[in-house]
Amino acid sequence: MTLQPTSFLYSLDPATSVATITLNRPERLNALTFEVYTELRDTFRALDTEPGVRAIIITGAGRAFCTGGDVQDIIGALFSRDHDGLLEFTRLTCDLILSIRQCRRPVVAALNGTVAGAGAVIAAASDFRIGAESAKIAFLFTKVGLAGADMGAAWLLPRLVGLGHATELLMLGEFITAQRALEIGLYHRVVPAERVLAEATDVARRLARGPSEAIGVTKASLNLEASLDLVSAMEAEARAQAACMLHPNFREAYEAFRAKRDARFE
């Protein structure tokens, strides 16, 4: 059954197997509500096994990608919660990031504009980040009296940009330009705003044409090996690669090479 979320837009191009999620509250700079958090989490969980989906794009409508939790719909409401109620919410936000990282389909973030707070962590959790020249980014949490260690940011960022840059971004909570994000390795590339979605789509289509099983194993290994020592990582990779060698895609790549044609991966 095709996914039909109600709090954001969703589409699937059957010709390319690329699914697109578009945050669709442009009048609120795509700020997140409780409903959006929940539905995004559930959608990424479903996309892990959704038939016909081989790559995912997440982007925003209007001039922002996502500016984090909505001040009216979320922030104000949190003051009426006790500790257990607050923990329920923070676990929901973390579950969203886990659903992105645990989804075996590669996720490409098309950062069409401002990226802030929870939006910045969603971007960091994605596998690729294509930024518009206007896509400034900030992990704003300390600016509102909260820890920069939010939604897994303290795990994700050091792995993307190194401990020094991560410390600066998470402790100061200040915006950096898209060009600076590119320089430190947070963005993969920066393009004019009108080219962001096309650039992200190109990356997603290239991924979708690739061997989905092997790409999924690669993503899972990047998650797993952060907590492994070298010997354990080598054993994990040996086992993962041996399993991939039994997959039909390995044989298909070999036959395609011999026949001098493009591989047609399952």
C-alpha atoms as a PDB file:
ATOM      1  CA  MET A   1       0.000   0.000   0.000  1.00  0.00           C
ATOM      2  CA  THR A   2       1.352   3.448  -0.927  1.00  0.00           C
ATOM      3  CA  LEU A   3       2.282   5.637   2.043  1.00  0.00           C
ATOM      4  CA  GLN A   4      -0.117   8.526   2.594  1.00  0.00           C
ATOM      5  CA  PRO A   5       1.175  10.867   5.309  1.00  0.00           C
ATOM      6  CA  THR A   6      -1.004  13.873   6.103  1.00  0.00           C
ATOM      7  CA  SER A   7       1.400  16.304   7.794  1.00  0.00           C
ATOM      8  CA  PHE A   8       3.852  16.606   4.873  1.00  0.00           C
ATOM      9  CA  LEU A   9       3.978  15.736   1.184  1.00  0.00           C
ATOM     10  CA  TYR A  10       5.099  12.341  -0.095  1.00  0.00           C
ATOM     11  CA  SER A  11       5.591  11.083  -3.634  1.00  0.00           C
ATOM     12  CA  LEU A  12       7.249   8.132  -5.337  1.00  0.00           C
ATOM     13  CA  ASP A  13       8.573   8.180  -8.882  1.00  0.00           C
ATOM     14  CA  PRO A  14       8.063   4.588 -10.076  1.00  0.00           C
ATOM     15  CA  ALA A  15      10.384   5.147 -13.038  1.00  0.00           C
ATOM     16  CA  THR A  16      13.386   5.887 -10.802  1.00  0.00           C
ATOM     17  CA  SER A  17      12.293   4.316  -7.466  1.00  0.00           C
ATOM     18  CA  VAL A  18      13.052   7.628  -5.717  1.00  0.00           C
ATOM     19  CA  ALA A  19      10.665   8.704  -2.940  1.00  0.00           C
ATOM     20  CA  THR A  20      10.446  12.389  -1.990  1.00  0.00           C
ATOM     21  CA  ILE A  21       9.357  13.774   1.378  1.00  0.00           C
ATOM     22  CA  THR A  22       8.583  17.501   1.366  1.00  0.00           C
ATOM     23  CA  LEU A  23       8.061  19.304   4.671  1.00  0.00           C
ATOM     24  CA  ASN A  24       5.095  21.510   3.861  1.00  0.00           C
ATOM     25  CA  ARG A  25       4.576  24.300   6.387  1.00  0.00           C
ATOM     26  CA  PRO A  26       6.290  27.105   4.457  1.00  0.00           C
ATOM     27  CA  GLU A  27       4.435  29.800   6.382  1.00  0.00           C
ATOM     28  CA  ARG A  28       6.123  28.462   9.558  1.00  0.00           C
ATOM     29  CA  LEU A  29       9.470  27.802   7.843  1.00  0.00           C
ATOM     30  CA  ASN A  30       8.634  24.086   8.036  1.00  0.00           C
ATOM     31  CA  ALA A  31       8.820  24.041  11.812  1.00  0.00           C
ATOM     32  CA  LEU A  32       7.969  20.636  13.269  1.00  0.00           C
ATOM     33  CA  THR A  33       4.869  19.729  15.262  1.00  0.00           C
ATOM     34  CA  PHE A  34       4.238  16.653  17.392  1.00  0.00           C
ATOM     35  CA  GLU A  35       2.308  15.213  14.452  1.00  0.00           C
ATOM     36  CA  VAL A  36       5.126  15.832  11.970  1.00  0.00           C
ATOM     37  CA  TYR A  37       7.708  14.263  14.277  1.00  0.00           C
ATOM     38  CA  THR A  38       5.553  11.168  14.717  1.00  0.00           C
ATOM     39  CA  GLU A  39       4.630  10.799  11.068  1.00  0.00           C
ATOM     40  CA  LEU A  40       8.195  11.344   9.864  1.00  0.00           C
ATOM     41  CA  ARG A  41       9.415   8.639  12.239  1.00  0.00           C
ATOM     42  CA  ASP A  42       6.734   6.225  11.085  1.00  0.00           C
ATOM     43  CA  THR A  43       7.345   7.026   7.413  1.00  0.00           C
ATOM     44  CA  PHE A  44      11.084   6.386   7.568  1.00  0.00           C
ATOM     45  CA  ARG A  45      10.425   3.140   9.418  1.00  0.00           C
ATOM     46  CA  ALA A  46       8.029   2.096   6.661  1.00  0.00           C
ATOM     47  CA  LEU A  47      10.400   3.175   3.887  1.00  0.00           C
ATOM     48  CA  ASP A  48      12.950   0.660   5.130  1.00  0.00           C
ATOM     49  CA  THR A  49      10.863  -2.054   3.451  1.00  0.00           C
ATOM     50  CA  GLU A  50       8.450  -0.127   1.201  1.00  0.00           C
ATOM     51  CA  PRO A  51       8.267  -1.894  -2.190  1.00  0.00           C
ATOM     52  CA  GLY A  52       9.610   0.084  -5.104  1.00  0.00           C
ATOM     53  CA  VAL A  53      11.667   2.534  -3.011  1.00  0.00           C
ATOM     54  CA  ARG A  54      15.426   2.502  -3.547  1.00  0.00           C
ATOM     55  CA  ALA A  55      16.395   6.042  -2.474  1.00  0.00           C
ATOM     56  CA  ILE A  56      14.766   8.892  -0.538  1.00  0.00           C
ATOM     57  CA  ILE A  57      14.929  12.689  -0.817  1.00  0.00           C
ATOM     58  CA  ILE A  58      13.846  14.949   2.050  1.00  0.00           C
ATOM     59  CA  THR A  59      13.385  18.653   1.370  1.00  0.00           C
ATOM     60  CA  GLY A  60      11.250  21.627   2.379  1.00  0.00           C
ATOM     61  CA  ALA A  61       8.674  23.856   0.719  1.00  0.00           C
ATOM     62  CA  GLY A  62       9.358  27.573   0.517  1.00  0.00           C
ATOM     63  CA  ARG A  63      12.473  29.364   1.720  1.00  0.00           C
ATOM     64  CA  ALA A  64      13.494  27.052   4.571  1.00  0.00           C
ATOM     65  CA  PHE A  65      14.356  23.384   4.886  1.00  0.00           C
ATOM     66  CA  CYS A  66      13.306  23.101   8.525  1.00  0.00           C
ATOM     67  CA  THR A  67      13.734  25.462  11.473  1.00  0.00           C
ATOM     68  CA  GLY A  68      13.207  22.906  14.247  1.00  0.00           C
ATOM     69  CA  GLY A  69      10.374  22.540  16.723  1.00  0.00           C
ATOM     70  CA  ASP A  70       7.481  24.958  16.324  1.00  0.00           C
ATOM     71  CA  VAL A  71       7.587  27.577  19.097  1.00  0.00           C
ATOM     72  CA  GLN A  72       3.801  27.704  19.364  1.00  0.00           C
ATOM     73  CA  ASP A  73       2.871  24.070  18.795  1.00  0.00           C
ATOM     74  CA  ILE A  74       5.717  22.365  20.660  1.00  0.00           C
ATOM     75  CA  ILE A  75       7.923  24.633  22.761  1.00  0.00           C
ATOM     76  CA  GLY A  76       5.085  26.311  24.632  1.00  0.00           C
ATOM     77  CA  ALA A  77       3.311  23.001  25.181  1.00  0.00           C
ATOM     78  CA  LEU A  78       6.393  21.415  26.766  1.00  0.00           C
ATOM     79  CA  PHE A  79       6.192  23.696  29.810  1.00  0.00           C
ATOM     80  CA  SER A  80       3.038  21.920  30.925  1.00  0.00           C
ATOM     81  CA  ARG A  81       4.746  18.502  30.986  1.00  0.00           C
ATOM     82  CA  ASP A  82       6.456  16.794  33.906  1.00  0.00           C
ATOM     83  CA  HIS A  83       9.766  14.947  33.564  1.00  0.00           C
ATOM     84  CA  ASP A  84       8.165  11.772  32.236  1.00  0.00           C
ATOM     85  CA  GLY A  85       6.182  13.746  29.688  1.00  0.00           C
ATOM     86  CA  LEU A  86       9.286  15.584  28.541  1.00  0.00           C
ATOM     87  CA  LEU A  87      11.211  12.313  28.288  1.00  0.00           C
ATOM     88  CA  GLU A  88       8.431  10.897  26.132  1.00  0.00           C
ATOM     89  CA  PHE A  89       8.922  13.812  23.713  1.00  0.00           C
ATOM     90  CA  THR A  90      12.734  13.717  23.644  1.00  0.00           C
ATOM     91  CA  ARG A  91      12.620   9.978  22.979  1.00  0.00           C
ATOM     92  CA  LEU A  92      10.241  10.636  20.081  1.00  0.00           C
ATOM     93  CA  THR A  93      12.708  13.101  18.554  1.00  0.00           C
ATOM     94  CA  CYS A  94      15.546  10.614  18.965  1.00  0.00           C
ATOM     95  CA  ASP A  95      13.411   7.871  17.429  1.00  0.00           C
ATOM     96  CA  LEU A  96      12.991  10.027  14.327  1.00  0.00           C
ATOM     97  CA  ILE A  97      16.767  10.251  13.887  1.00  0.00           C
ATOM     98  CA  LEU A  98      17.128   6.518  14.532  1.00  0.00           C
ATOM     99  CA  SER A  99      14.508   5.807  11.884  1.00  0.00           C
ATOM    100  CA  ILE A 100      16.559   7.776   9.331  1.00  0.00           C
ATOM    101  CA  ARG A 101      19.837   6.100  10.274  1.00  0.00           C
ATOM    102  CA  GLN A 102      18.308   2.606  10.453  1.00  0.00           C
ATOM    103  CA  CYS A 103      16.448   2.927   7.158  1.00  0.00           C
ATOM    104  CA  ARG A 104      18.470   0.877   4.686  1.00  0.00           C
ATOM    105  CA  ARG A 105      17.525   3.165   1.816  1.00  0.00           C
ATOM    106  CA  PRO A 106      19.974   6.048   1.282  1.00  0.00           C
ATOM    107  CA  VAL A 107      18.578   9.446   2.289  1.00  0.00           C
ATOM    108  CA  VAL A 108      19.509  12.633   0.411  1.00  0.00           C
ATOM    109  CA  ALA A 109      18.698  15.942   2.130  1.00  0.00           C
ATOM    110  CA  ALA A 110      17.944  18.716  -0.371  1.00  0.00           C
ATOM    111  CA  LEU A 111      18.532  21.744   1.842  1.00  0.00           C
ATOM    112  CA  ASN A 112      16.546  24.411   0.005  1.00  0.00           C
ATOM    113  CA  GLY A 113      16.983  27.108   2.663  1.00  0.00           C
ATOM    114  CA  THR A 114      17.565  27.741   6.366  1.00  0.00           C
ATOM    115  CA  VAL A 115      18.428  24.636   8.412  1.00  0.00           C
ATOM    116  CA  ALA A 116      18.131  24.981  12.186  1.00  0.00           C
ATOM    117  CA  GLY A 117      17.642  23.059  15.414  1.00  0.00           C
ATOM    118  CA  ALA A 118      15.956  19.727  14.832  1.00  0.00           C
ATOM    119  CA  GLY A 119      16.125  20.442  11.096  1.00  0.00           C
ATOM    120  CA  ALA A 120      19.911  20.542  11.353  1.00  0.00           C
ATOM    121  CA  VAL A 121      19.971  17.144  13.074  1.00  0.00           C
ATOM    122  CA  ILE A 122      17.654  15.655  10.429  1.00  0.00           C
ATOM    123  CA  ALA A 123      20.105  16.936   7.816  1.00  0.00           C
ATOM    124  CA  ALA A 124      23.064  15.478   9.731  1.00  0.00           C
ATOM    125  CA  ALA A 125      21.304  12.110   9.988  1.00  0.00           C
ATOM    126  CA  SER A 126      20.809  11.973   6.219  1.00  0.00           C
ATOM    127  CA  ASP A 127      23.420  10.216   4.100  1.00  0.00           C
ATOM    128  CA  PHE A 128      23.941  13.120   1.686  1.00  0.00           C
ATOM    129  CA  ARG A 129      23.438  16.862   2.148  1.00  0.00           C
ATOM    130  CA  ILE A 130      22.998  19.102  -0.902  1.00  0.00           C
ATOM    131  CA  GLY A 131      22.707  22.727   0.187  1.00  0.00           C
ATOM    132  CA  ALA A 132      21.422  25.851  -1.496  1.00  0.00           C
ATOM    133  CA  GLU A 133      23.703  28.862  -1.254  1.00  0.00           C
ATOM    134  CA  SER A 134      21.113  30.275   1.156  1.00  0.00           C
ATOM    135  CA  ALA A 135      21.080  27.152   3.374  1.00  0.00           C
ATOM    136  CA  LYS A 136      22.735  28.532   6.491  1.00  0.00           C
ATOM    137  CA  ILE A 137      22.724  26.017   9.332  1.00  0.00           C
ATOM    138  CA  ALA A 138      22.735  26.139  13.127  1.00  0.00           C
ATOM    139  CA  PHE A 139      22.367  23.651  15.963  1.00  0.00           C
ATOM    140  CA  LEU A 140      20.507  26.217  18.065  1.00  0.00           C
ATOM    141  CA  PHE A 141      19.883  24.219  21.214  1.00  0.00           C
ATOM    142  CA  THR A 142      22.199  26.104  23.601  1.00  0.00           C
ATOM    143  CA  LYS A 143      20.649  29.379  22.390  1.00  0.00           C
ATOM    144  CA  VAL A 144      17.404  28.319  24.098  1.00  0.00           C
ATOM    145  CA  GLY A 145      19.049  26.934  27.233  1.00  0.00           C
ATOM    146  CA  LEU A 146      19.177  23.294  26.132  1.00  0.00           C
ATOM    147  CA  ALA A 147      22.081  20.904  25.614  1.00  0.00           C
ATOM    148  CA  GLY A 148      23.700  20.812  22.208  1.00  0.00           C
ATOM    149  CA  ALA A 149      23.546  17.039  22.663  1.00  0.00           C
ATOM    150  CA  ASP A 150      20.054  16.730  21.223  1.00  0.00           C
ATOM    151  CA  MET A 151      18.526  14.036  18.979  1.00  0.00           C
ATOM    152  CA  GLY A 152      21.923  12.382  18.576  1.00  0.00           C
ATOM    153  CA  ALA A 153      23.747  15.509  17.424  1.00  0.00           C
ATOM    154  CA  ALA A 154      26.711  14.831  19.727  1.00  0.00           C
ATOM    155  CA  TRP A 155      27.113  11.406  18.099  1.00  0.00           C
ATOM    156  CA  LEU A 156      26.530  12.452  14.504  1.00  0.00           C
ATOM    157  CA  LEU A 157      28.448  15.713  14.205  1.00  0.00           C
ATOM    158  CA  PRO A 158      31.918  14.634  15.397  1.00  0.00           C
ATOM    159  CA  ARG A 159      31.775  11.814  12.860  1.00  0.00           C
ATOM    160  CA  LEU A 160      30.899  14.265  10.079  1.00  0.00           C
ATOM    161  CA  VAL A 161      33.124  17.248  10.828  1.00  0.00           C
ATOM    162  CA  GLY A 162      35.490  16.193  13.633  1.00  0.00           C
ATOM    163  CA  LEU A 163      35.368  16.938  17.357  1.00  0.00           C
ATOM    164  CA  GLY A 164      36.678  20.498  17.072  1.00  0.00           C
ATOM    165  CA  HIS A 165      34.102  21.729  14.583  1.00  0.00           C
ATOM    166  CA  ALA A 166      31.347  19.768  16.336  1.00  0.00           C
ATOM    167  CA  THR A 167      32.224  21.388  19.663  1.00  0.00           C
ATOM    168  CA  GLU A 168      32.009  24.843  18.115  1.00  0.00           C
ATOM    169  CA  LEU A 169      28.702  24.160  16.387  1.00  0.00           C
ATOM    170  CA  LEU A 170      27.032  22.516  19.394  1.00  0.00           C
ATOM    171  CA  MET A 171      28.314  24.789  22.167  1.00  0.00           C
ATOM    172  CA  LEU A 172      27.964  28.162  20.439  1.00  0.00           C
ATOM    173  CA  GLY A 173      24.807  27.253  18.559  1.00  0.00           C
ATOM    174  CA  GLU A 174      25.492  29.909  15.947  1.00  0.00           C
ATOM    175  CA  PHE A 175      24.630  29.889  12.253  1.00  0.00           C
ATOM    176  CA  ILE A 176      27.312  29.149   9.697  1.00  0.00           C
ATOM    177  CA  THR A 177      26.969  29.786   5.988  1.00  0.00           C
ATOM    178  CA  ALA A 178      26.398  27.063   3.446  1.00  0.00           C
ATOM    179  CA  GLN A 179      29.882  27.687   2.106  1.00  0.00           C
ATOM    180  CA  ARG A 180      31.383  27.187   5.563  1.00  0.00           C
ATOM    181  CA  ALA A 181      29.342  24.002   6.009  1.00  0.00           C
ATOM    182  CA  LEU A 182      30.813  22.780   2.721  1.00  0.00           C
ATOM    183  CA  GLU A 183      34.364  23.675   3.807  1.00  0.00           C
ATOM    184  CA  ILE A 184      34.150  21.638   7.035  1.00  0.00           C
ATOM    185  CA  GLY A 185      32.493  18.647   5.364  1.00  0.00           C
ATOM    186  CA  LEU A 186      28.990  19.066   6.747  1.00  0.00           C
ATOM    187  CA  TYR A 187      27.546  19.625   3.262  1.00  0.00           C
ATOM    188  CA  HIS A 188      28.564  17.494   0.307  1.00  0.00           C
ATOM    189  CA  ARG A 189      27.985  20.287  -2.182  1.00  0.00           C
ATOM    190  CA  VAL A 190      26.454  23.755  -2.443  1.00  0.00           C
ATOM    191  CA  VAL A 191      24.547  24.905  -5.523  1.00  0.00           C
ATOM    192  CA  PRO A 192      22.265  27.805  -6.518  1.00  0.00           C
ATOM    193  CA  ALA A 193      18.830  27.514  -4.900  1.00  0.00           C
ATOM    194  CA  GLU A 194      17.098  26.680  -8.162  1.00  0.00           C
ATOM    195  CA  ARG A 195      19.414  23.694  -8.635  1.00  0.00           C
ATOM    196  CA  VAL A 196      19.110  22.070  -5.198  1.00  0.00           C
ATOM    197  CA  LEU A 197      16.303  19.633  -5.891  1.00  0.00           C
ATOM    198  CA  ALA A 198      17.674  18.704  -9.314  1.00  0.00           C
ATOM    199  CA  GLU A 199      21.111  18.046  -7.819  1.00  0.00           C
ATOM    200  CA  ALA A 200      19.656  15.974  -4.983  1.00  0.00           C
ATOM    201  CA  THR A 201      17.494  14.049  -7.455  1.00  0.00           C
ATOM    202  CA  ASP A 202      20.539  13.243  -9.567  1.00  0.00           C
ATOM    203  CA  VAL A 203      22.326  11.810  -6.528  1.00  0.00           C
ATOM    204  CA  ALA A 204      19.230   9.872  -5.454  1.00  0.00           C
ATOM    205  CA  ARG A 205      18.740   8.393  -8.913  1.00  0.00           C
ATOM    206  CA  ARG A 206      22.364   7.281  -9.075  1.00  0.00           C
ATOM    207  CA  LEU A 207      21.933   5.582  -5.713  1.00  0.00           C
ATOM    208  CA  ALA A 208      18.648   4.009  -6.810  1.00  0.00           C
ATOM    209  CA  ARG A 209      20.352   2.484  -9.853  1.00  0.00           C
ATOM    210  CA  GLY A 210      22.970   0.918  -7.609  1.00  0.00           C
ATOM    211  CA  PRO A 211      22.894  -2.382  -5.694  1.00  0.00           C
ATOM    212  CA  SER A 212      20.386  -1.640  -2.931  1.00  0.00           C
ATOM    213  CA  GLU A 213      21.433  -4.576  -0.756  1.00  0.00           C
ATOM    214  CA  ALA A 214      25.090  -3.545  -0.811  1.00  0.00           C
ATOM    215  CA  ILE A 215      24.265   0.128  -0.184  1.00  0.00           C
ATOM    216  CA  GLY A 216      22.062  -0.860   2.757  1.00  0.00           C
ATOM    217  CA  VAL A 217      24.843  -3.013   4.216  1.00  0.00           C
ATOM    218  CA  THR A 218      27.271  -0.104   3.790  1.00  0.00           C
ATOM    219  CA  LYS A 219      24.954   2.246   5.710  1.00  0.00           C
ATOM    220  CA  ALA A 220      24.427  -0.292   8.478  1.00  0.00           C
ATOM    221  CA  SER A 221      28.183  -0.844   8.736  1.00  0.00           C
ATOM    222  CA  LEU A 222      28.835   2.890   9.086  1.00  0.00           C
ATOM    223  CA  ASN A 223      26.443   2.897  12.039  1.00  0.00           C
ATOM    224  CA  LEU A 224      27.774  -0.305  13.613  1.00  0.00           C
ATOM    225  CA  GLU A 225      31.482   0.265  13.337  1.00  0.00           C
ATOM    226  CA  ALA A 226      31.448   3.510  15.311  1.00  0.00           C
ATOM    227  CA  SER A 227      31.344   1.352  18.435  1.00  0.00           C
ATOM    228  CA  LEU A 228      33.742  -1.406  17.350  1.00  0.00           C
ATOM    229  CA  ASP A 229      37.472  -1.815  17.784  1.00  0.00           C
ATOM    230  CA  LEU A 230      39.558  -2.463  14.671  1.00  0.00           C
ATOM    231  CA  VAL A 231      39.645  -6.259  14.995  1.00  0.00           C
ATOM    232  CA  SER A 232      35.890  -6.461  15.550  1.00  0.00           C
ATOM    233  CA  ALA A 233      35.268  -4.091  12.631  1.00  0.00           C
ATOM    234  CA  MET A 234      37.383  -6.254  10.328  1.00  0.00           C
ATOM    235  CA  GLU A 235      35.413  -9.356  11.320  1.00  0.00           C
ATOM    236  CA  ALA A 236      32.104  -7.540  10.837  1.00  0.00           C
ATOM    237  CA  GLU A 237      33.142  -6.370   7.369  1.00  0.00           C
ATOM    238  CA  ALA A 238      34.411  -9.834   6.404  1.00  0.00           C
ATOM    239  CA  ARG A 239      31.056 -11.359   7.314  1.00  0.00           C
ATOM    240  CA  ALA A 240      29.060  -8.589   5.616  1.00  0.00           C
ATOM    241  CA  GLN A 241      31.073  -8.822   2.410  1.00  0.00           C
ATOM    242  CA  ALA A 242      30.845 -12.605   2.273  1.00  0.00           C
ATOM    243  CA  ALA A 243      27.064 -12.302   2.510  1.00  0.00           C
ATOM    244  CA  CYS A 244      27.024  -9.712  -0.293  1.00  0.00           C
ATOM    245  CA  MET A 245      29.044 -12.076  -2.475  1.00  0.00           C
ATOM    246  CA  LEU A 246      26.143 -14.544  -2.262  1.00  0.00           C
ATOM    247  CA  HIS A 247      23.664 -11.916  -3.492  1.00  0.00           C
ATOM    248  CA  PRO A 248      22.620 -11.989  -7.163  1.00  0.00           C
ATOM    249  CA  ASN A 249      23.839  -8.429  -7.637  1.00  0.00           C
ATOM    250  CA  PHE A 250      27.451  -9.567  -7.329  1.00  0.00           C
ATOM    251  CA  ARG A 251      26.972 -12.054 -10.167  1.00  0.00           C
ATOM    252  CA  GLU A 252      25.076  -9.420 -12.193  1.00  0.00           C
ATOM    253  CA  ALA A 253      27.965  -6.950 -11.887  1.00  0.00           C
ATOM    254  CA  TYR A 254      30.369  -9.635 -13.096  1.00  0.00           C
ATOM    255  CA  GLU A 255      28.190 -10.650 -16.042  1.00  0.00           C
ATOM    256  CA  ALA A 256      27.627  -7.017 -17.009  1.00  0.00           C
ATOM    257  CA  PHE A 257      31.375  -6.373 -16.979  1.00  0.00           C
ATOM    258  CA  ARG A 258      31.991  -9.391 -19.201  1.00  0.00           C
ATOM    259  CA  ALA A 259      29.242  -8.348 -21.610  1.00  0.00           C
ATOM    260  CA  LYS A 260      30.369  -4.700 -21.611  1.00  0.00           C
ATOM    261  CA  ARG A 261      26.939  -3.461 -20.573  1.00  0.00           C
ATOM    262  CA  ASP A 262      25.467  -1.573 -17.622  1.00  0.00           C
ATOM    263  CA  ALA A 263      24.562  -3.721 -14.619  1.00  0.00           C
ATOM    264  CA  ARG A 264      20.861  -4.154 -13.840  1.00  0.00           C
ATOM    265  CA  PHE A 265      20.779  -4.549 -10.081  1.00  0.00           C
ATOM    266  CA  GLU A 266      17.857  -6.011  -8.176  1.00  0.00           C
END
